[in-house]
């Protein structure tokens, strides 16, 4: 302990804490970008997780009521099962997705809010032109 006290005594400027306001200013400047970046990361990932999406056909000769899991990671929509899925979710929850499984292709859009979502889709499923609605819940 005596050695520590002598080492501080050797630096009178540190003892008077003259540099404390300057160090505090540098700390505040360095922390400001980190504080701003954290909410953006949370907002971008606000919809992250596995979503179970149930499709209903309103036009066309396609089966209805089937459900498909999708994964959202950092605003990107990916497949949680089979098929090729590409899409995005905006910070406000707007969704745009393209799905293809074999010769079947569909696109859809809508909105997520909290742990629920809904929207519309259209595409060609096993040769039939169809469209309908979708509802989603986060697992």
N, C-alpha and C. Protein backbone atom coordinates (compact mmCIF):
# COMPACT_ATOMS: atom_id res chain seq x y z
N UNK A 1 0.82 -1.18 0.00
CA UNK A 1 0.00 0.00 0.00
C UNK A 1 0.86 1.25 0.00
N UNK A 2 1.95 1.24 0.76
CA UNK A 2 2.84 2.40 0.83
C UNK A 2 3.47 2.66 -0.52
N UNK A 3 3.80 1.61 -1.24
CA UNK A 3 4.39 1.76 -2.58
C UNK A 3 3.40 2.45 -3.52
N UNK A 4 2.14 2.08 -3.43
CA UNK A 4 1.10 2.70 -4.27
C UNK A 4 0.98 4.18 -3.96
N UNK A 5 0.96 4.55 -2.70
CA UNK A 5 0.86 5.95 -2.32
C UNK A 5 2.05 6.74 -2.82
N UNK A 6 3.26 6.16 -2.75
CA UNK A 6 4.45 6.86 -3.24
C UNK A 6 4.39 7.06 -4.74
N UNK A 7 3.85 6.07 -5.49
CA UNK A 7 3.81 6.21 -6.94
C UNK A 7 2.85 7.31 -7.36
N UNK A 8 1.75 7.49 -6.65
CA UNK A 8 0.83 8.58 -6.95
C UNK A 8 1.46 9.91 -6.56
N UNK A 9 2.18 9.94 -5.45
CA UNK A 9 2.83 11.17 -4.99
C UNK A 9 3.87 11.64 -6.00
N UNK A 10 4.41 10.70 -6.78
CA UNK A 10 5.41 11.07 -7.78
C UNK A 10 4.79 11.81 -8.94
N UNK A 11 3.46 11.76 -9.08
CA UNK A 11 2.75 12.44 -10.17
C UNK A 11 1.76 13.43 -9.58
N UNK A 12 2.20 14.62 -9.25
CA UNK A 12 1.31 15.58 -8.59
C UNK A 12 0.10 15.94 -9.43
N UNK A 13 0.20 15.89 -10.73
CA UNK A 13 -0.96 16.23 -11.59
C UNK A 13 -2.09 15.22 -11.40
N UNK A 14 -1.74 13.94 -11.25
CA UNK A 14 -2.77 12.93 -11.02
C UNK A 14 -3.43 13.14 -9.68
N UNK A 15 -2.63 13.53 -8.67
CA UNK A 15 -3.18 13.72 -7.35
C UNK A 15 -4.21 14.85 -7.34
N UNK A 16 -3.96 15.89 -8.11
CA UNK A 16 -4.89 17.02 -8.13
C UNK A 16 -6.10 16.76 -9.04
N UNK A 17 -6.08 15.68 -9.83
CA UNK A 17 -7.17 15.27 -10.71
C UNK A 17 -7.54 16.35 -11.75
N UNK A 18 -6.53 17.08 -12.19
CA UNK A 18 -6.74 18.10 -13.21
C UNK A 18 -7.22 17.51 -14.52
N UNK A 19 -6.82 16.29 -14.78
CA UNK A 19 -7.13 15.67 -16.07
C UNK A 19 -8.50 14.99 -16.08
N UNK A 20 -9.15 14.91 -14.96
CA UNK A 20 -10.43 14.21 -14.88
C UNK A 20 -11.47 14.74 -15.86
N UNK A 21 -11.70 16.07 -16.00
CA UNK A 21 -12.70 16.53 -16.97
C UNK A 21 -12.35 16.17 -18.41
N UNK A 22 -11.08 16.19 -18.76
CA UNK A 22 -10.68 15.83 -20.13
C UNK A 22 -10.92 14.35 -20.37
N UNK A 23 -10.54 13.51 -19.40
CA UNK A 23 -10.77 12.07 -19.55
C UNK A 23 -12.27 11.78 -19.62
N UNK A 24 -13.08 12.46 -18.84
CA UNK A 24 -14.54 12.26 -18.89
C UNK A 24 -15.09 12.66 -20.25
N UNK A 25 -14.58 13.75 -20.83
CA UNK A 25 -15.04 14.17 -22.16
C UNK A 25 -14.70 13.13 -23.21
N UNK A 26 -13.45 12.59 -23.15
CA UNK A 26 -13.07 11.54 -24.11
C UNK A 26 -13.94 10.30 -23.94
N UNK A 27 -14.25 9.94 -22.70
CA UNK A 27 -15.10 8.77 -22.45
C UNK A 27 -16.50 8.98 -23.01
N UNK A 28 -17.03 10.20 -22.85
CA UNK A 28 -18.37 10.49 -23.37
C UNK A 28 -18.40 10.44 -24.89
N UNK A 29 -17.36 10.97 -25.52
CA UNK A 29 -17.29 10.94 -26.99
C UNK A 29 -17.17 9.52 -27.49
N UNK A 30 -16.34 8.71 -26.83
CA UNK A 30 -16.15 7.32 -27.26
C UNK A 30 -17.40 6.49 -27.03
N UNK A 31 -18.15 6.77 -25.99
CA UNK A 31 -19.34 5.98 -25.68
C UNK A 31 -20.53 6.36 -26.55
N UNK A 32 -20.59 7.56 -27.07
CA UNK A 32 -21.76 8.01 -27.84
C UNK A 32 -22.05 7.14 -29.05
N UNK A 33 -21.07 6.80 -29.93
CA UNK A 33 -21.40 5.94 -31.07
C UNK A 33 -21.86 4.56 -30.63
N UNK A 34 -21.28 4.01 -29.59
CA UNK A 34 -21.68 2.68 -29.13
C UNK A 34 -23.12 2.71 -28.63
N UNK A 35 -23.50 3.77 -27.94
CA UNK A 35 -24.88 3.87 -27.45
C UNK A 35 -25.86 4.00 -28.60
N UNK A 36 -25.49 4.72 -29.66
CA UNK A 36 -26.38 4.86 -30.82
C UNK A 36 -26.48 3.56 -31.59
N UNK A 37 -25.42 2.77 -31.67
CA UNK A 37 -25.42 1.55 -32.47
C UNK A 37 -26.29 0.46 -31.84
N UNK A 38 -26.37 0.40 -30.52
CA UNK A 38 -27.13 -0.66 -29.86
C UNK A 38 -28.60 -0.64 -30.23
N UNK A 39 -29.31 0.51 -30.21
CA UNK A 39 -30.73 0.47 -30.60
C UNK A 39 -30.93 0.04 -32.05
N UNK A 40 -30.02 0.39 -32.94
CA UNK A 40 -30.17 -0.03 -34.34
C UNK A 40 -30.09 -1.53 -34.45
N UNK A 41 -29.17 -2.16 -33.71
CA UNK A 41 -29.08 -3.61 -33.77
C UNK A 41 -30.35 -4.24 -33.24
N UNK A 42 -30.88 -3.70 -32.17
CA UNK A 42 -32.12 -4.26 -31.64
C UNK A 42 -33.26 -4.09 -32.63
N UNK A 43 -33.35 -2.94 -33.26
CA UNK A 43 -34.44 -2.68 -34.20
C UNK A 43 -34.33 -3.60 -35.41
N UNK A 44 -33.13 -3.80 -35.91
CA UNK A 44 -32.95 -4.65 -37.08
C UNK A 44 -33.33 -6.09 -36.77
N UNK A 45 -33.12 -6.52 -35.52
CA UNK A 45 -33.44 -7.89 -35.13
C UNK A 45 -34.73 -8.00 -34.34
N UNK A 46 -35.57 -6.99 -34.38
CA UNK A 46 -36.80 -6.99 -33.59
C UNK A 46 -37.72 -8.14 -33.97
N UNK A 47 -37.59 -8.66 -35.17
CA UNK A 47 -38.48 -9.73 -35.64
C UNK A 47 -37.74 -11.06 -35.76
N UNK A 48 -36.53 -11.15 -35.21
CA UNK A 48 -35.76 -12.38 -35.30
C UNK A 48 -36.48 -13.54 -34.64
N UNK A 49 -36.33 -14.71 -35.22
CA UNK A 49 -36.91 -15.93 -34.66
C UNK A 49 -37.53 -16.79 -35.75
N UNK A 50 -38.17 -17.84 -35.31
CA UNK A 50 -38.86 -18.75 -36.25
C UNK A 50 -40.33 -18.38 -36.26
N UNK A 51 -40.85 -18.18 -37.45
CA UNK A 51 -42.25 -17.80 -37.65
C UNK A 51 -42.97 -18.95 -38.34
N UNK A 52 -44.10 -19.33 -37.81
CA UNK A 52 -44.94 -20.34 -38.45
C UNK A 52 -45.98 -19.60 -39.29
N UNK A 53 -45.93 -19.81 -40.60
CA UNK A 53 -46.80 -19.08 -41.52
C UNK A 53 -47.84 -20.04 -42.09
N UNK A 54 -49.12 -19.69 -41.94
CA UNK A 54 -50.23 -20.49 -42.45
C UNK A 54 -50.79 -19.77 -43.67
N UNK A 55 -50.86 -20.50 -44.80
CA UNK A 55 -51.33 -19.95 -46.07
C UNK A 55 -52.76 -20.37 -46.34
N UNK A 56 -53.55 -19.43 -46.82
CA UNK A 56 -54.93 -19.71 -47.24
C UNK A 56 -55.07 -19.27 -48.70
N UNK A 57 -55.70 -20.11 -49.52
CA UNK A 57 -55.91 -19.79 -50.93
C UNK A 57 -57.29 -19.15 -51.09
N UNK A 58 -57.32 -17.99 -51.74
CA UNK A 58 -58.61 -17.33 -52.00
C UNK A 58 -58.97 -17.35 -53.49
N UNK A 59 -57.98 -17.52 -54.36
CA UNK A 59 -58.21 -17.64 -55.81
C UNK A 59 -57.32 -18.73 -56.37
N UNK A 60 -57.87 -19.56 -57.19
CA UNK A 60 -57.09 -20.61 -57.83
C UNK A 60 -57.38 -21.98 -57.25
N UNK A 61 -56.70 -22.95 -57.81
CA UNK A 61 -56.92 -24.35 -57.47
C UNK A 61 -55.77 -24.91 -56.64
N UNK A 62 -55.31 -24.17 -55.66
CA UNK A 62 -54.19 -24.61 -54.81
C UNK A 62 -54.72 -25.03 -53.45
N UNK A 63 -54.02 -25.96 -52.83
CA UNK A 63 -54.46 -26.40 -51.50
C UNK A 63 -54.33 -25.24 -50.52
N UNK A 64 -55.12 -25.29 -49.48
CA UNK A 64 -55.18 -24.20 -48.52
C UNK A 64 -54.92 -24.74 -47.13
N UNK A 65 -54.47 -23.87 -46.24
CA UNK A 65 -54.30 -24.24 -44.85
C UNK A 65 -52.96 -24.88 -44.51
N UNK A 66 -52.03 -24.93 -45.43
CA UNK A 66 -50.74 -25.52 -45.10
C UNK A 66 -49.87 -24.48 -44.41
N UNK A 67 -48.97 -24.96 -43.55
CA UNK A 67 -48.10 -24.04 -42.83
C UNK A 67 -46.64 -24.33 -43.13
N UNK A 68 -45.85 -23.28 -43.10
CA UNK A 68 -44.43 -23.37 -43.42
C UNK A 68 -43.67 -22.53 -42.39
N UNK A 69 -42.56 -23.07 -41.86
CA UNK A 69 -41.75 -22.25 -40.95
C UNK A 69 -40.75 -21.39 -41.73
N UNK A 70 -40.60 -20.16 -41.30
CA UNK A 70 -39.60 -19.25 -41.86
C UNK A 70 -38.74 -18.75 -40.71
N UNK A 71 -37.51 -18.40 -41.00
CA UNK A 71 -36.61 -17.83 -40.00
C UNK A 71 -36.31 -16.39 -40.38
N UNK A 72 -36.36 -15.50 -39.41
CA UNK A 72 -35.95 -14.11 -39.62
C UNK A 72 -34.71 -13.88 -38.78
N UNK A 73 -33.65 -13.40 -39.44
CA UNK A 73 -32.39 -13.09 -38.76
C UNK A 73 -31.93 -11.73 -39.25
N UNK A 74 -31.92 -10.76 -38.35
CA UNK A 74 -31.41 -9.43 -38.67
C UNK A 74 -32.09 -8.78 -39.86
N UNK A 75 -33.39 -8.99 -40.00
CA UNK A 75 -34.13 -8.37 -41.09
C UNK A 75 -34.16 -9.19 -42.37
N UNK A 76 -33.49 -10.33 -42.39
CA UNK A 76 -33.52 -11.22 -43.57
C UNK A 76 -34.46 -12.38 -43.30
N UNK A 77 -35.23 -12.76 -44.31
CA UNK A 77 -36.13 -13.91 -44.20
C UNK A 77 -35.46 -15.09 -44.90
N UNK A 78 -35.37 -16.21 -44.19
CA UNK A 78 -34.72 -17.41 -44.70
C UNK A 78 -35.63 -18.62 -44.48
N UNK A 79 -35.30 -19.71 -45.15
CA UNK A 79 -36.07 -20.94 -44.99
C UNK A 79 -35.72 -21.60 -43.66
N UNK A 80 -36.73 -22.08 -42.96
CA UNK A 80 -36.49 -22.87 -41.75
C UNK A 80 -36.81 -24.33 -42.05
N UNK A 81 -37.19 -24.61 -43.29
CA UNK A 81 -37.52 -25.97 -43.71
C UNK A 81 -36.92 -26.19 -45.10
N UNK A 82 -37.75 -26.64 -46.03
CA UNK A 82 -37.28 -26.88 -47.39
C UNK A 82 -37.55 -25.70 -48.30
N UNK A 83 -37.02 -25.77 -49.50
CA UNK A 83 -37.26 -24.72 -50.49
C UNK A 83 -36.29 -23.56 -50.37
N UNK A 84 -36.34 -22.71 -51.38
CA UNK A 84 -35.49 -21.52 -51.40
C UNK A 84 -36.34 -20.32 -51.00
N UNK A 85 -35.88 -19.59 -50.02
CA UNK A 85 -36.61 -18.43 -49.52
C UNK A 85 -35.66 -17.25 -49.48
N UNK A 86 -36.12 -16.12 -49.99
CA UNK A 86 -35.37 -14.88 -49.85
C UNK A 86 -36.36 -13.78 -49.57
N UNK A 87 -35.96 -12.88 -48.71
CA UNK A 87 -36.85 -11.78 -48.38
C UNK A 87 -36.28 -10.92 -47.28
N UNK A 88 -37.08 -9.93 -46.91
CA UNK A 88 -36.63 -9.00 -45.89
C UNK A 88 -37.80 -8.51 -45.05
N UNK A 89 -37.45 -8.02 -43.86
CA UNK A 89 -38.40 -7.38 -42.96
C UNK A 89 -37.80 -6.03 -42.60
N UNK A 90 -38.55 -4.97 -42.85
CA UNK A 90 -38.05 -3.64 -42.51
C UNK A 90 -38.16 -3.41 -41.01
N UNK A 91 -37.55 -2.34 -40.53
CA UNK A 91 -37.64 -2.00 -39.11
C UNK A 91 -39.08 -1.75 -38.67
N UNK A 92 -39.91 -1.29 -39.61
CA UNK A 92 -41.32 -1.03 -39.30
C UNK A 92 -42.16 -2.31 -39.40
N UNK A 93 -41.56 -3.44 -39.84
CA UNK A 93 -42.28 -4.71 -39.92
C UNK A 93 -42.81 -5.07 -41.29
N UNK A 94 -42.55 -4.25 -42.32
CA UNK A 94 -43.00 -4.58 -43.68
C UNK A 94 -42.21 -5.78 -44.19
N UNK A 95 -42.93 -6.76 -44.74
CA UNK A 95 -42.32 -8.01 -45.19
C UNK A 95 -42.46 -8.13 -46.71
N UNK A 96 -41.38 -8.60 -47.37
CA UNK A 96 -41.41 -8.95 -48.79
C UNK A 96 -40.64 -10.26 -48.93
N UNK A 97 -41.28 -11.29 -49.50
CA UNK A 97 -40.67 -12.63 -49.56
C UNK A 97 -40.91 -13.27 -50.91
N UNK A 98 -39.91 -14.03 -51.38
CA UNK A 98 -40.01 -14.88 -52.57
C UNK A 98 -39.68 -16.30 -52.14
N UNK A 99 -40.52 -17.25 -52.58
CA UNK A 99 -40.34 -18.65 -52.22
C UNK A 99 -40.39 -19.49 -53.48
N UNK A 100 -39.49 -20.48 -53.57
CA UNK A 100 -39.58 -21.44 -54.68
C UNK A 100 -39.27 -22.83 -54.15
N UNK A 101 -40.12 -23.77 -54.55
CA UNK A 101 -39.96 -25.18 -54.20
C UNK A 101 -40.21 -25.95 -55.48
N UNK A 102 -39.17 -26.53 -56.05
CA UNK A 102 -39.31 -27.21 -57.33
C UNK A 102 -39.76 -26.23 -58.39
N UNK A 103 -40.87 -26.56 -59.10
CA UNK A 103 -41.40 -25.68 -60.15
C UNK A 103 -42.39 -24.65 -59.59
N UNK A 104 -42.72 -24.76 -58.32
CA UNK A 104 -43.67 -23.82 -57.71
C UNK A 104 -42.93 -22.58 -57.22
N UNK A 105 -43.53 -21.41 -57.50
CA UNK A 105 -42.94 -20.14 -57.08
C UNK A 105 -44.04 -19.23 -56.58
N UNK A 106 -43.73 -18.49 -55.53
CA UNK A 106 -44.71 -17.54 -54.99
C UNK A 106 -43.98 -16.35 -54.38
N UNK A 107 -44.68 -15.24 -54.32
CA UNK A 107 -44.15 -14.05 -53.65
C UNK A 107 -45.25 -13.51 -52.75
N UNK A 108 -44.83 -12.83 -51.72
CA UNK A 108 -45.81 -12.30 -50.79
C UNK A 108 -45.30 -11.07 -50.08
N UNK A 109 -46.22 -10.40 -49.46
CA UNK A 109 -45.89 -9.21 -48.69
C UNK A 109 -46.91 -9.02 -47.59
N UNK A 110 -46.54 -8.22 -46.63
CA UNK A 110 -47.45 -7.96 -45.53
C UNK A 110 -46.72 -7.23 -44.43
N UNK A 111 -47.14 -7.47 -43.21
CA UNK A 111 -46.57 -6.75 -42.08
C UNK A 111 -46.50 -7.65 -40.85
N UNK A 112 -45.40 -7.51 -40.10
CA UNK A 112 -45.26 -8.16 -38.81
C UNK A 112 -45.38 -7.09 -37.73
N UNK A 113 -45.96 -7.46 -36.61
CA UNK A 113 -46.06 -6.56 -35.46
C UNK A 113 -46.01 -7.43 -34.21
N UNK A 114 -45.01 -7.22 -33.39
CA UNK A 114 -44.85 -8.06 -32.20
C UNK A 114 -44.57 -9.48 -32.60
N UNK A 115 -45.44 -10.40 -32.21
CA UNK A 115 -45.27 -11.82 -32.54
C UNK A 115 -46.29 -12.33 -33.54
N UNK A 116 -46.96 -11.40 -34.24
CA UNK A 116 -47.97 -11.78 -35.22
C UNK A 116 -47.73 -11.07 -36.54
N UNK A 117 -48.31 -11.62 -37.59
CA UNK A 117 -48.19 -10.97 -38.89
C UNK A 117 -49.27 -11.45 -39.83
N UNK A 118 -49.47 -10.71 -40.91
CA UNK A 118 -50.47 -11.09 -41.91
C UNK A 118 -50.13 -10.40 -43.21
N UNK A 119 -50.64 -10.96 -44.30
CA UNK A 119 -50.41 -10.36 -45.60
C UNK A 119 -51.05 -11.17 -46.71
N UNK A 120 -50.56 -10.95 -47.92
CA UNK A 120 -51.11 -11.61 -49.10
C UNK A 120 -49.98 -12.26 -49.89
N UNK A 121 -50.33 -13.26 -50.70
CA UNK A 121 -49.35 -13.93 -51.55
C UNK A 121 -49.99 -14.23 -52.91
N UNK A 122 -49.13 -14.50 -53.89
CA UNK A 122 -49.59 -14.95 -55.21
C UNK A 122 -48.46 -15.75 -55.84
N UNK A 123 -48.84 -16.64 -56.73
CA UNK A 123 -47.82 -17.43 -57.39
C UNK A 123 -48.39 -18.53 -58.24
N UNK A 124 -47.48 -19.38 -58.69
CA UNK A 124 -47.85 -20.55 -59.48
C UNK A 124 -47.42 -21.77 -58.66
N UNK A 125 -48.41 -22.53 -58.21
CA UNK A 125 -48.17 -23.68 -57.36
C UNK A 125 -48.63 -24.92 -58.12
N UNK A 126 -47.70 -25.83 -58.37
CA UNK A 126 -47.94 -27.04 -59.17
C UNK A 126 -48.74 -26.74 -60.43
N UNK A 127 -48.35 -25.70 -61.13
CA UNK A 127 -48.94 -25.36 -62.42
C UNK A 127 -50.18 -24.49 -62.36
N UNK A 128 -50.75 -24.28 -61.21
CA UNK A 128 -51.96 -23.46 -61.08
C UNK A 128 -51.59 -22.06 -60.57
N UNK A 129 -52.20 -21.06 -61.19
CA UNK A 129 -52.01 -19.67 -60.74
C UNK A 129 -52.97 -19.45 -59.57
N UNK A 130 -52.39 -19.07 -58.43
CA UNK A 130 -53.18 -18.91 -57.21
C UNK A 130 -52.78 -17.66 -56.45
N UNK A 131 -53.64 -17.26 -55.53
CA UNK A 131 -53.32 -16.16 -54.63
C UNK A 131 -54.12 -16.35 -53.35
N UNK A 132 -53.73 -15.63 -52.34
CA UNK A 132 -54.43 -15.76 -51.07
C UNK A 132 -53.83 -14.90 -50.00
N UNK A 133 -54.04 -15.32 -48.77
CA UNK A 133 -53.56 -14.58 -47.61
C UNK A 133 -52.66 -15.47 -46.76
N UNK A 134 -51.93 -14.85 -45.86
CA UNK A 134 -51.11 -15.60 -44.91
C UNK A 134 -51.20 -14.94 -43.54
N UNK A 135 -51.03 -15.78 -42.52
CA UNK A 135 -50.96 -15.31 -41.15
C UNK A 135 -49.77 -15.98 -40.49
N UNK A 136 -49.06 -15.23 -39.66
CA UNK A 136 -47.86 -15.76 -39.04
C UNK A 136 -47.86 -15.53 -37.53
N UNK A 137 -47.27 -16.49 -36.81
CA UNK A 137 -47.01 -16.33 -35.39
C UNK A 137 -45.57 -16.73 -35.11
N UNK A 138 -44.93 -15.99 -34.21
CA UNK A 138 -43.53 -16.30 -33.86
C UNK A 138 -43.52 -17.38 -32.80
N UNK A 139 -42.66 -18.36 -33.01
CA UNK A 139 -42.53 -19.48 -32.05
C UNK A 139 -41.78 -19.04 -30.81
